[in-house]
PDB file of N, CA and C in Angstrom:
ATOM      1  N   MET A   1      27.603  15.536  49.638  1.00  0.00           N
ATOM      2  CA  MET A   1      28.044  16.500  50.236  1.00  0.00           C
ATOM      3  C   MET A   1      27.069  16.367  51.330  1.00  0.00           C
ATOM      4  N   ALA A   2      27.523  16.234  52.587  1.00  0.00           N
ATOM      5  CA  ALA A   2      26.675  15.746  53.740  1.00  0.00           C
ATOM      6  C   ALA A   2      25.866  16.650  54.679  1.00  0.00           C
ATOM      7  N   PHE A   3      25.019  16.396  54.855  1.00  0.00           N
ATOM      8  CA  PHE A   3      23.758  16.901  55.777  1.00  0.00           C
ATOM      9  C   PHE A   3      24.112  17.264  57.394  1.00  0.00           C
ATOM     10  N   GLN A   4      23.790  18.572  57.584  1.00  0.00           N
ATOM     11  CA  GLN A   4      23.809  18.593  58.935  1.00  0.00           C
ATOM     12  C   GLN A   4      23.312  18.054  59.873  1.00  0.00           C
ATOM     13  N   VAL A   5      22.898  16.939  61.159  1.00  0.00           N
ATOM     14  CA  VAL A   5      22.111  16.306  61.954  1.00  0.00           C
ATOM     15  C   VAL A   5      22.185  17.159  63.156  1.00  0.00           C
ATOM     16  N   LEU A   6      20.991  18.287  63.239  1.00  0.00           N
ATOM     17  CA  LEU A   6      20.439  18.605  64.899  1.00  0.00           C
ATOM     18  C   LEU A   6      19.398  18.117  64.996  1.00  0.00           C
ATOM     19  N   MET A   7      19.879  17.971  66.603  1.00  0.00           N
ATOM     20  CA  MET A   7      18.546  17.832  67.721  1.00  0.00           C
ATOM     21  C   MET A   7      18.050  18.731  68.552  1.00  0.00           C
ATOM     22  N   THR A   8      16.326  18.601  68.526  1.00  0.00           N
ATOM     23  CA  THR A   8      15.540  19.495  69.176  1.00  0.00           C
ATOM     24  C   THR A   8      16.200  18.981  70.510  1.00  0.00           C
ATOM     25  N   ASP A   9      15.711  20.205  71.496  1.00  0.00           N
ATOM     26  CA  ASP A   9      15.586  19.948  72.712  1.00  0.00           C
ATOM     27  C   ASP A   9      14.780  18.480  73.501  1.00  0.00           C
ATOM     28  N   ASP A  10      13.969  18.435  72.770  1.00  0.00           N
ATOM     29  CA  ASP A  10      12.937  17.299  73.044  1.00  0.00           C
ATOM     30  C   ASP A  10      13.665  16.017  72.637  1.00  0.00           C
ATOM     31  N   ALA A  11      13.768  15.764  71.863  1.00  0.00           N
ATOM     32  CA  ALA A  11      14.538  14.941  71.364  1.00  0.00           C
ATOM     33  C   ALA A  11      16.038  14.243  72.080  1.00  0.00           C
ATOM     34  N   GLU A  12      16.845  15.568  72.551  1.00  0.00           N
ATOM     35  CA  GLU A  12      17.986  15.033  73.393  1.00  0.00           C
ATOM     36  C   GLU A  12      17.109  14.817  75.022  1.00  0.00           C
ATOM     37  N   ARG A  13      16.088  15.281  75.315  1.00  0.00           N
ATOM     38  CA  ARG A  13      15.646  14.795  76.567  1.00  0.00           C
ATOM     39  C   ARG A  13      14.943  13.262  76.514  1.00  0.00           C
ATOM     40  N   ASP A  14      14.765  12.912  75.220  1.00  0.00           N
ATOM     41  CA  ASP A  14      13.859  11.435  75.299  1.00  0.00           C
ATOM     42  C   ASP A  14      15.198  10.726  75.562  1.00  0.00           C
ATOM     43  N   ILE A  15      16.400  10.857  74.529  1.00  0.00           N
ATOM     44  CA  ILE A  15      17.592  10.038  75.071  1.00  0.00           C
ATOM     45  C   ILE A  15      17.878   9.989  76.196  1.00  0.00           C
ATOM     46  N   GLU A  16      18.022  11.113  76.973  1.00  0.00           N
ATOM     47  CA  GLU A  16      18.539  11.063  77.952  1.00  0.00           C
ATOM     48  C   GLU A  16      17.439   9.914  79.422  1.00  0.00           C
ATOM     49  N   ASP A  17      15.864  10.562  78.920  1.00  0.00           N
ATOM     50  CA  ASP A  17      14.911   9.700  79.698  1.00  0.00           C
ATOM     51  C   ASP A  17      15.157   7.982  79.196  1.00  0.00           C
ATOM     52  N   ILE A  18      15.467   7.825  78.161  1.00  0.00           N
ATOM     53  CA  ILE A  18      15.494   6.511  77.871  1.00  0.00           C
ATOM     54  C   ILE A  18      16.694   5.914  78.564  1.00  0.00           C
ATOM     55  N   CYS A  19      18.065   6.649  78.617  1.00  0.00           N
ATOM     56  CA  CYS A  19      19.601   6.084  78.970  1.00  0.00           C
ATOM     57  C   CYS A  19      19.055   5.898  81.046  1.00  0.00           C
ATOM     58  N   ARG A  20      18.255   6.844  81.063  1.00  0.00           N
ATOM     59  CA  ARG A  20      18.365   7.322  82.963  1.00  0.00           C
ATOM     60  C   ARG A  20      17.496   5.976  83.093  1.00  0.00           C
ATOM     61  N   HIS A  21      16.360   5.837  82.478  1.00  0.00           N
ATOM     62  CA  HIS A  21      15.724   4.484  82.597  1.00  0.00           C
ATOM     63  C   HIS A  21      16.491   3.014  82.708  1.00  0.00           C
ATOM     64  N   VAL A  22      17.397   3.138  81.778  1.00  0.00           N
ATOM     65  CA  VAL A  22      18.168   1.742  81.505  1.00  0.00           C
ATOM     66  C   VAL A  22      19.275   1.643  82.681  1.00  0.00           C
ATOM     67  N   ALA A  23      19.487   2.952  82.589  1.00  0.00           N
ATOM     68  CA  ALA A  23      21.028   2.635  84.018  1.00  0.00           C
ATOM     69  C   ALA A  23      19.633   2.571  85.101  1.00  0.00           C
ATOM     70  N   ALA A  24      18.635   2.763  85.932  1.00  0.00           N
ATOM     71  CA  ALA A  24      18.046   2.523  86.962  1.00  0.00           C
ATOM     72  C   ALA A  24      17.562   1.188  86.896  1.00  0.00           C
ATOM     73  N   TYR A  25      16.798   0.620  85.611  1.00  0.00           N
ATOM     74  CA  TYR A  25      15.988  -0.641  86.133  1.00  0.00           C
ATOM     75  C   TYR A  25      17.256  -1.711  85.264  1.00  0.00           C
ATOM     76  N   ASP A  26      17.862  -1.405  84.521  1.00  0.00           N
ATOM     77  CA  ASP A  26      18.957  -2.600  83.827  1.00  0.00           C
ATOM     78  C   ASP A  26      20.500  -2.261  84.608  1.00  0.00           C
ATOM     79  N   ALA A  27      21.514  -1.587  83.962  1.00  0.00           N
ATOM     80  CA  ALA A  27      22.699  -1.520  84.423  1.00  0.00           C
ATOM     81  C   ALA A  27      23.310  -0.069  83.585  1.00  0.00           C
ATOM     82  N   ILE A  28      23.888   0.910  84.118  1.00  0.00           N
ATOM     83  CA  ILE A  28      24.401   1.731  83.578  1.00  0.00           C
ATOM     84  C   ILE A  28      25.698   1.304  82.023  1.00  0.00           C
ATOM     85  N   ASP A  29      26.039  -0.094  82.018  1.00  0.00           N
ATOM     86  CA  ASP A  29      27.041  -0.094  81.269  1.00  0.00           C
ATOM     87  C   ASP A  29      26.009  -0.164  79.854  1.00  0.00           C
ATOM     88  N   ARG A  30      24.542  -0.969  80.125  1.00  0.00           N
ATOM     89  CA  ARG A  30      23.625  -1.001  79.037  1.00  0.00           C
ATOM     90  C   ARG A  30      22.948   0.680  78.421  1.00  0.00           C
ATOM     91  N   ALA A  31      23.008   1.104  79.667  1.00  0.00           N
ATOM     92  CA  ALA A  31      22.460   2.754  79.474  1.00  0.00           C
ATOM     93  C   ALA A  31      23.866   3.176  78.557  1.00  0.00           C
ATOM     94  N   ALA A  32      24.542   3.377  78.382  1.00  0.00           N
ATOM     95  CA  ALA A  32      26.220   3.644  77.979  1.00  0.00           C
ATOM     96  C   ALA A  32      26.055   3.303  76.408  1.00  0.00           C
ATOM     97  N   HIS A  33      25.785   1.904  76.431  1.00  0.00           N
ATOM     98  CA  HIS A  33      26.002   1.370  75.226  1.00  0.00           C
ATOM     99  C   HIS A  33      24.657   1.586  74.079  1.00  0.00           C
ATOM    100  N   ILE A  34      23.384   1.885  74.820  1.00  0.00           N
ATOM    101  CA  ILE A  34      22.459   2.424  74.112  1.00  0.00           C
ATOM    102  C   ILE A  34      22.788   3.887  73.939  1.00  0.00           C
ATOM    103  N   LEU A  35      22.951   4.641  74.761  1.00  0.00           N
ATOM    104  CA  LEU A  35      23.769   5.779  74.353  1.00  0.00           C
ATOM    105  C   LEU A  35      24.593   6.143  72.830  1.00  0.00           C
ATOM    106  N   ALA A  36      25.562   5.274  73.351  1.00  0.00           N
ATOM    107  CA  ALA A  36      26.312   5.596  72.044  1.00  0.00           C
ATOM    108  C   ALA A  36      25.864   5.174  70.917  1.00  0.00           C
ATOM    109  N   ASN A  37      24.679   4.483  70.244  1.00  0.00           N
ATOM    110  CA  ASN A  37      24.414   3.699  69.156  1.00  0.00           C
ATOM    111  C   ASN A  37      23.210   4.505  69.039  1.00  0.00           C
ATOM    112  N   LEU A  38      22.325   5.112  70.134  1.00  0.00           N
ATOM    113  CA  LEU A  38      21.826   6.317  69.588  1.00  0.00           C
ATOM    114  C   LEU A  38      22.275   6.940  69.006  1.00  0.00           C
ATOM    115  N   GLU A  39      23.098   7.834  69.406  1.00  0.00           N
ATOM    116  CA  GLU A  39      24.384   8.682  68.720  1.00  0.00           C
ATOM    117  C   GLU A  39      24.813   8.756  67.149  1.00  0.00           C
ATOM    118  N   ARG A  40      25.333   7.478  67.592  1.00  0.00           N
ATOM    119  CA  ARG A  40      26.162   6.757  65.859  1.00  0.00           C
ATOM    120  C   ARG A  40      24.527   6.825  65.022  1.00  0.00           C
ATOM    121  N   THR A  41      23.947   6.300  65.572  1.00  0.00           N
ATOM    122  CA  THR A  41      22.214   5.898  63.918  1.00  0.00           C
ATOM    123  C   THR A  41      22.146   7.425  64.049  1.00  0.00           C
ATOM    124  N   CYS A  42      21.737   8.374  64.621  1.00  0.00           N
ATOM    125  CA  CYS A  42      21.573   9.608  64.318  1.00  0.00           C
ATOM    126  C   CYS A  42      22.571  10.253  63.331  1.00  0.00           C
ATOM    127  N   ARG A  43      23.772  10.367  63.598  1.00  0.00           N
ATOM    128  CA  ARG A  43      24.805  10.972  62.737  1.00  0.00           C
ATOM    129  C   ARG A  43      24.847  10.142  61.438  1.00  0.00           C
ATOM    130  N   LYS A  44      24.597   9.036  61.622  1.00  0.00           N
ATOM    131  CA  LYS A  44      24.260   8.479  59.886  1.00  0.00           C
ATOM    132  C   LYS A  44      23.706   9.527  59.129  1.00  0.00           C
ATOM    133  N   LEU A  45      22.391   9.757  59.903  1.00  0.00           N
ATOM    134  CA  LEU A  45      21.595  10.654  58.861  1.00  0.00           C
ATOM    135  C   LEU A  45      22.366  11.614  57.923  1.00  0.00           C
ATOM    136  N   SER A  46      23.456  12.298  58.410  1.00  0.00           N
ATOM    137  CA  SER A  46      24.023  13.044  57.465  1.00  0.00           C
ATOM    138  C   SER A  46      24.569  12.607  56.365  1.00  0.00           C
ATOM    139  N   ILE A  47      24.484  11.079  56.283  1.00  0.00           N
ATOM    140  CA  ILE A  47      24.934  10.625  54.767  1.00  0.00           C
ATOM    141  C   ILE A  47      23.803  10.366  53.738  1.00  0.00           C
ATOM    142  N   PHE A  48      22.539   9.757  54.361  1.00  0.00           N
ATOM    143  CA  PHE A  48      21.722   9.023  53.114  1.00  0.00           C
ATOM    144  C   PHE A  48      20.596   9.634  54.243  1.00  0.00           C
ATOM    145  N   PRO A  49      20.076  10.549  54.429  1.00  0.00           N
ATOM    146  CA  PRO A  49      18.478  10.986  55.172  1.00  0.00           C
ATOM    147  C   PRO A  49      17.485  10.263  54.664  1.00  0.00           C
ATOM    148  N   ASP A  50      17.207  10.464  53.352  1.00  0.00           N
ATOM    149  CA  ASP A  50      16.091   9.533  52.716  1.00  0.00           C
ATOM    150  C   ASP A  50      15.840   8.434  53.097  1.00  0.00           C
ATOM    151  N   ARG A  51      16.688   7.870  53.680  1.00  0.00           N
ATOM    152  CA  ARG A  51      16.321   6.143  53.821  1.00  0.00           C
ATOM    153  C   ARG A  51      15.537   6.018  54.730  1.00  0.00           C
ATOM    154  N   GLY A  52      15.037   6.747  55.587  1.00  0.00           N
ATOM    155  CA  GLY A  52      13.739   6.626  56.299  1.00  0.00           C
ATOM    156  C   GLY A  52      12.532   6.154  55.922  1.00  0.00           C
ATOM    157  N   ASN A  53      11.514   5.814  56.591  1.00  0.00           N
ATOM    158  CA  ASN A  53      10.294   5.360  55.841  1.00  0.00           C
ATOM    159  C   ASN A  53       9.668   6.632  56.974  1.00  0.00           C
ATOM    160  N   VAL A  54       8.039   7.327  56.659  1.00  0.00           N
ATOM    161  CA  VAL A  54       7.491   8.377  56.636  1.00  0.00           C
ATOM    162  C   VAL A  54       6.609   7.292  58.151  1.00  0.00           C
ATOM    163  N   PRO A  55       6.561   7.422  59.336  1.00  0.00           N
ATOM    164  CA  PRO A  55       6.189   7.079  60.204  1.00  0.00           C
ATOM    165  C   PRO A  55       4.618   6.627  59.980  1.00  0.00           C
ATOM    166  N   LYS A  56       4.499   5.160  60.156  1.00  0.00           N
ATOM    167  CA  LYS A  56       2.951   5.192  59.504  1.00  0.00           C
ATOM    168  C   LYS A  56       1.568   6.010  60.253  1.00  0.00           C
ATOM    169  N   GLU A  57       1.761   6.602  61.843  1.00  0.00           N
ATOM    170  CA  GLU A  57       0.886   7.287  62.523  1.00  0.00           C
ATOM    171  C   GLU A  57       0.887   8.470  61.740  1.00  0.00           C
ATOM    172  N   LEU A  58       1.674   9.076  61.158  1.00  0.00           N
ATOM    173  CA  LEU A  58       1.565  10.526  60.688  1.00  0.00           C
ATOM    174  C   LEU A  58       1.086   9.983  58.905  1.00  0.00           C
ATOM    175  N   ALA A  59       1.612   8.998  58.657  1.00  0.00           N
ATOM    176  CA  ALA A  59       0.920   8.866  56.931  1.00  0.00           C
ATOM    177  C   ALA A  59      -0.603   8.626  57.117  1.00  0.00           C
ATOM    178  N   ARG A  60      -1.224   7.953  58.046  1.00  0.00           N
ATOM    179  CA  ARG A  60      -2.519   7.778  58.321  1.00  0.00           C
ATOM    180  C   ARG A  60      -3.623   9.324  58.308  1.00  0.00           C
ATOM    181  N   ILE A  61      -2.706   9.927  58.173  1.00  0.00           N
ATOM    182  CA  ILE A  61      -3.740  11.258  59.012  1.00  0.00           C
ATOM    183  C   ILE A  61      -3.262  12.282  57.544  1.00  0.00           C
ATOM    184  N   GLY A  62      -2.361  11.446  56.817  1.00  0.00           N
ATOM    185  CA  GLY A  62      -1.691  12.728  55.757  1.00  0.00           C
ATOM    186  C   GLY A  62      -0.731  13.381  55.971  1.00  0.00           C
ATOM    187  N   ILE A  63       0.087  13.270  56.670  1.00  0.00           N
ATOM    188  CA  ILE A  63       1.384  13.949  56.973  1.00  0.00           C
ATOM    189  C   ILE A  63       2.703  13.232  56.423  1.00  0.00           C
ATOM    190  N   SER A  64       3.497  13.504  55.372  1.00  0.00           N
ATOM    191  CA  SER A  64       4.590  12.769  54.886  1.00  0.00           C
ATOM    192  C   SER A  64       6.186  13.920  55.375  1.00  0.00           C
ATOM    193  N   ASP A  65       6.128  14.757  56.233  1.00  0.00           N
ATOM    194  CA  ASP A  65       6.875  15.841  55.853  1.00  0.00           C
ATOM    195  C   ASP A  65       7.861  14.933  56.978  1.00  0.00           C
ATOM    196  N   TYR A  66       7.655  13.829  57.861  1.00  0.00           N
ATOM    197  CA  TYR A  66       8.461  13.702  58.853  1.00  0.00           C
ATOM    198  C   TYR A  66       9.253  12.096  58.147  1.00  0.00           C
ATOM    199  N   ARG A  67      10.287  11.762  58.927  1.00  0.00           N
ATOM    200  CA  ARG A  67      10.762  10.038  58.211  1.00  0.00           C
ATOM    201  C   ARG A  67      11.071   9.632  59.801  1.00  0.00           C
ATOM    202  N   GLU A  68      11.446   8.527  59.731  1.00  0.00           N
ATOM    203  CA  GLU A  68      11.971   7.773  60.871  1.00  0.00           C
ATOM    204  C   GLU A  68      13.058   6.917  59.877  1.00  0.00           C
ATOM    205  N   ILE A  69      13.666   6.313  61.268  1.00  0.00           N
ATOM    206  CA  ILE A  69      14.881   5.142  61.296  1.00  0.00           C
ATOM    207  C   ILE A  69      14.609   4.538  62.718  1.00  0.00           C
ATOM    208  N   HIS A  70      14.930   3.789  62.810  1.00  0.00           N
ATOM    209  CA  HIS A  70      15.084   2.598  63.545  1.00  0.00           C
ATOM    210  C   HIS A  70      16.385   2.348  64.575  1.00  0.00           C
ATOM    211  N   TRP A  71      16.664   1.870  65.564  1.00  0.00           N
ATOM    212  CA  TRP A  71      17.715   1.284  66.017  1.00  0.00           C
ATOM    213  C   TRP A  71      17.071   0.525  67.108  1.00  0.00           C
ATOM    214  N   LYS A  72      17.033  -0.765  67.130  1.00  0.00           N
ATOM    215  CA  LYS A  72      16.154  -1.865  68.272  1.00  0.00           C
ATOM    216  C   LYS A  72      14.849  -1.303  68.445  1.00  0.00           C
ATOM    217  N   PRO A  73      14.449  -1.029  69.594  1.00  0.00           N
ATOM    218  CA  PRO A  73      13.227  -0.628  69.919  1.00  0.00           C
ATOM    219  C   PRO A  73      12.881   0.873  69.213  1.00  0.00           C
ATOM    220  N   CYS A  74      13.846   1.679  69.718  1.00  0.00           N
ATOM    221  CA  CYS A  74      13.841   3.035  69.332  1.00  0.00           C
ATOM    222  C   CYS A  74      13.493   3.222  67.747  1.00  0.00           C
ATOM    223  N   ARG A  75      12.496   4.612  67.897  1.00  0.00           N
ATOM    224  CA  ARG A  75      12.340   5.400  66.249  1.00  0.00           C
ATOM    225  C   ARG A  75      13.151   6.650  66.780  1.00  0.00           C
ATOM    226  N   ILE A  76      13.466   6.876  65.460  1.00  0.00           N
ATOM    227  CA  ILE A  76      14.057   8.178  65.706  1.00  0.00           C
ATOM    228  C   ILE A  76      13.467   8.858  64.361  1.00  0.00           C
ATOM    229  N   VAL A  77      12.510  10.091  65.000  1.00  0.00           N
ATOM    230  CA  VAL A  77      11.760  10.421  63.816  1.00  0.00           C
ATOM    231  C   VAL A  77      12.380  12.011  63.651  1.00  0.00           C
ATOM    232  N   TYR A  78      12.414  12.384  62.179  1.00  0.00           N
ATOM    233  CA  TYR A  78      12.942  13.680  61.898  1.00  0.00           C
ATOM    234  C   TYR A  78      12.590  14.023  60.481  1.00  0.00           C
ATOM    235  N   ARG A  79      13.088  15.294  60.164  1.00  0.00           N
ATOM    236  CA  ARG A  79      12.762  16.413  58.846  1.00  0.00           C
ATOM    237  C   ARG A  79      13.548  16.823  58.565  1.00  0.00           C
ATOM    238  N   ILE A  80      13.767  16.450  56.934  1.00  0.00           N
ATOM    239  CA  ILE A  80      15.136  16.976  56.429  1.00  0.00           C
ATOM    240  C   ILE A  80      14.565  18.416  55.890  1.00  0.00           C
ATOM    241  N   ASP A  81      15.222  19.637  56.220  1.00  0.00           N
ATOM    242  CA  ASP A  81      15.000  20.811  55.856  1.00  0.00           C
ATOM    243  C   ASP A  81      16.259  21.289  54.783  1.00  0.00           C
ATOM    244  N   GLY A  82      16.492  21.139  53.840  1.00  0.00           N
ATOM    245  CA  GLY A  82      17.392  21.759  52.738  1.00  0.00           C
ATOM    246  C   GLY A  82      18.553  21.000  53.070  1.00  0.00           C
ATOM    247  N   ARG A  83      19.687  21.439  53.589  1.00  0.00           N
ATOM    248  CA  ARG A  83      20.642  20.445  54.247  1.00  0.00           C
ATOM    249  C   ARG A  83      21.021  20.174  55.210  1.00  0.00           C
ATOM    250  N   ARG A  84      20.088  20.177  55.537  1.00  0.00           N
ATOM    251  CA  ARG A  84      20.140  19.848  57.268  1.00  0.00           C
ATOM    252  C   ARG A  84      19.077  18.633  58.326  1.00  0.00           C
ATOM    253  N   VAL A  85      19.268  18.173  58.780  1.00  0.00           N
ATOM    254  CA  VAL A  85      18.287  16.781  59.122  1.00  0.00           C
ATOM    255  C   VAL A  85      17.934  17.267  61.162  1.00  0.00           C
ATOM    256  N   LEU A  86      16.758  17.510  60.941  1.00  0.00           N
ATOM    257  CA  LEU A  86      16.580  17.816  62.140  1.00  0.00           C
ATOM    258  C   LEU A  86      15.938  16.729  63.251  1.00  0.00           C
ATOM    259  N   ILE A  87      16.556  16.243  64.256  1.00  0.00           N
ATOM    260  CA  ILE A  87      15.531  15.110  64.775  1.00  0.00           C
ATOM    261  C   ILE A  87      14.622  15.950  65.966  1.00  0.00           C
ATOM    262  N   TYR A  88      13.463  14.957  65.783  1.00  0.00           N
ATOM    263  CA  TYR A  88      12.456  15.661  66.752  1.00  0.00           C
ATOM    264  C   TYR A  88      12.263  14.847  67.751  1.00  0.00           C
ATOM    265  N   CYS A  89      12.308  13.304  67.808  1.00  0.00           N
ATOM    266  CA  CYS A  89      12.018  12.934  68.892  1.00  0.00           C
ATOM    267  C   CYS A  89      12.754  11.556  68.714  1.00  0.00           C
ATOM    268  N   VAL A  90      12.859  10.813  69.788  1.00  0.00           N
ATOM    269  CA  VAL A  90      13.575   9.431  70.003  1.00  0.00           C
ATOM    270  C   VAL A  90      12.971   8.561  71.004  1.00  0.00           C
ATOM    271  N   LEU A  91      11.785   7.630  70.447  1.00  0.00           N
ATOM    272  CA  LEU A  91      10.741   7.264  71.082  1.00  0.00           C
ATOM    273  C   LEU A  91      10.857   5.930  71.388  1.00  0.00           C
ATOM    274  N   ASP A  92      10.928   4.961  72.036  1.00  0.00           N
ATOM    275  CA  ASP A  92      10.567   3.746  72.150  1.00  0.00           C
ATOM    276  C   ASP A  92       9.143   2.710  71.372  1.00  0.00           C
ATOM    277  N   GLY A  93       9.889   2.581  70.819  1.00  0.00           N
ATOM    278  CA  GLY A  93       9.006   2.131  69.685  1.00  0.00           C
ATOM    279  C   GLY A  93       7.879   0.879  70.073  1.00  0.00           C
ATOM    280  N   ARG A  94       8.119   0.333  71.319  1.00  0.00           N
ATOM    281  CA  ARG A  94       6.919  -0.656  72.222  1.00  0.00           C
ATOM    282  C   ARG A  94       5.621   0.138  72.545  1.00  0.00           C
ATOM    283  N   ARG A  95       6.099   1.371  72.532  1.00  0.00           N
ATOM    284  CA  ARG A  95       5.027   2.086  73.184  1.00  0.00           C
ATOM    285  C   ARG A  95       4.040   2.840  71.898  1.00  0.00           C
ATOM    286  N   ASP A  96       2.524   2.946  72.270  1.00  0.00           N
ATOM    287  CA  ASP A  96       1.524   3.625  71.377  1.00  0.00           C
ATOM    288  C   ASP A  96       1.921   5.009  71.253  1.00  0.00           C
ATOM    289  N   ILE A  97       2.775   5.645  70.553  1.00  0.00           N
ATOM    290  CA  ILE A  97       2.736   7.034  69.702  1.00  0.00           C
ATOM    291  C   ILE A  97       2.229   7.995  69.250  1.00  0.00           C
ATOM    292  N   ARG A  98       1.374   7.089  68.991  1.00  0.00           N
ATOM    293  CA  ARG A  98       0.410   8.124  67.652  1.00  0.00           C
ATOM    294  C   ARG A  98       0.080   9.249  68.070  1.00  0.00           C
ATOM    295  N   THR A  99      -0.516   9.570  69.541  1.00  0.00           N
ATOM    296  CA  THR A  99      -0.877  10.585  69.989  1.00  0.00           C
ATOM    297  C   THR A  99       0.075  11.444  70.227  1.00  0.00           C
ATOM    298  N   LEU A 100       1.203  10.880  70.806  1.00  0.00           N
ATOM    299  CA  LEU A 100       2.628  11.840  71.222  1.00  0.00           C
ATOM    300  C   LEU A 100       3.087  12.808  69.738  1.00  0.00           C
ATOM    301  N   LEU A 101       3.449  11.660  68.606  1.00  0.00           N
ATOM    302  CA  LEU A 101       3.888  12.145  67.696  1.00  0.00           C
ATOM    303  C   LEU A 101       2.775  13.327  67.877  1.00  0.00           C
ATOM    304  N   GLN A 102       1.675  12.927  67.416  1.00  0.00           N
ATOM    305  CA  GLN A 102       0.959  14.190  66.640  1.00  0.00           C
ATOM    306  C   GLN A 102       0.873  15.441  67.652  1.00  0.00           C
ATOM    307  N   HIS A 103       1.365  15.199  68.933  1.00  0.00           N
ATOM    308  CA  HIS A 103       1.096  16.628  70.013  1.00  0.00           C
ATOM    309  C   HIS A 103       2.393  17.424  69.667  1.00  0.00           C
ATOM    310  N   ARG A 104       3.385  16.404  69.491  1.00  0.00           N
ATOM    311  CA  ARG A 104       4.583  16.850  69.238  1.00  0.00           C
ATOM    312  C   ARG A 104       5.209  17.670  68.222  1.00  0.00           C
ATOM    313  N   LEU A 105       4.736  17.202  67.286  1.00  0.00           N
ATOM    314  CA  LEU A 105       5.166  17.316  65.768  1.00  0.00           C
ATOM    315  C   LEU A 105       4.056  18.730  64.793  1.00  0.00           C
ATOM    316  N   LEU A 106       2.923  18.894  65.753  1.00  0.00           N
ATOM    317  CA  LEU A 106       1.906  19.503  65.056  1.00  0.00           C
ATOM    318  C   LEU A 106       1.610  20.643  66.129  1.00  0.00           C
ATOM    319  N   ARG A 107       2.767  20.946  66.765  1.00  0.00           N
ATOM    320  CA  ARG A 107       2.223  22.099  68.051  1.00  0.00           C
ATOM    321  C   ARG A 107       2.889  23.258  67.409  1.00  0.00           C
TER     322      ARG A 107
END
């Protein structure tokens, strides 16, 4: 039985921000490619959401409820809740995201 994959408003904004940045500084076609791949990667969580790992920034402080998968430099952070997968953020993995994760996931 497949899991239902849901995105928070923050995660949707993250994807929009990434695509907007790429469209402005690279190419609109590249932004569309990134959008399609991020959406496809998120949808794949409906099949086997346990495949992700606990983000190291959260594991260090004893939080193991969240998992992450990657697409290129992007980190997709989510939590499994029953038969639902809740995506909380989609972040550029080249950034130092420890503080961002703690702030966003612990509020």
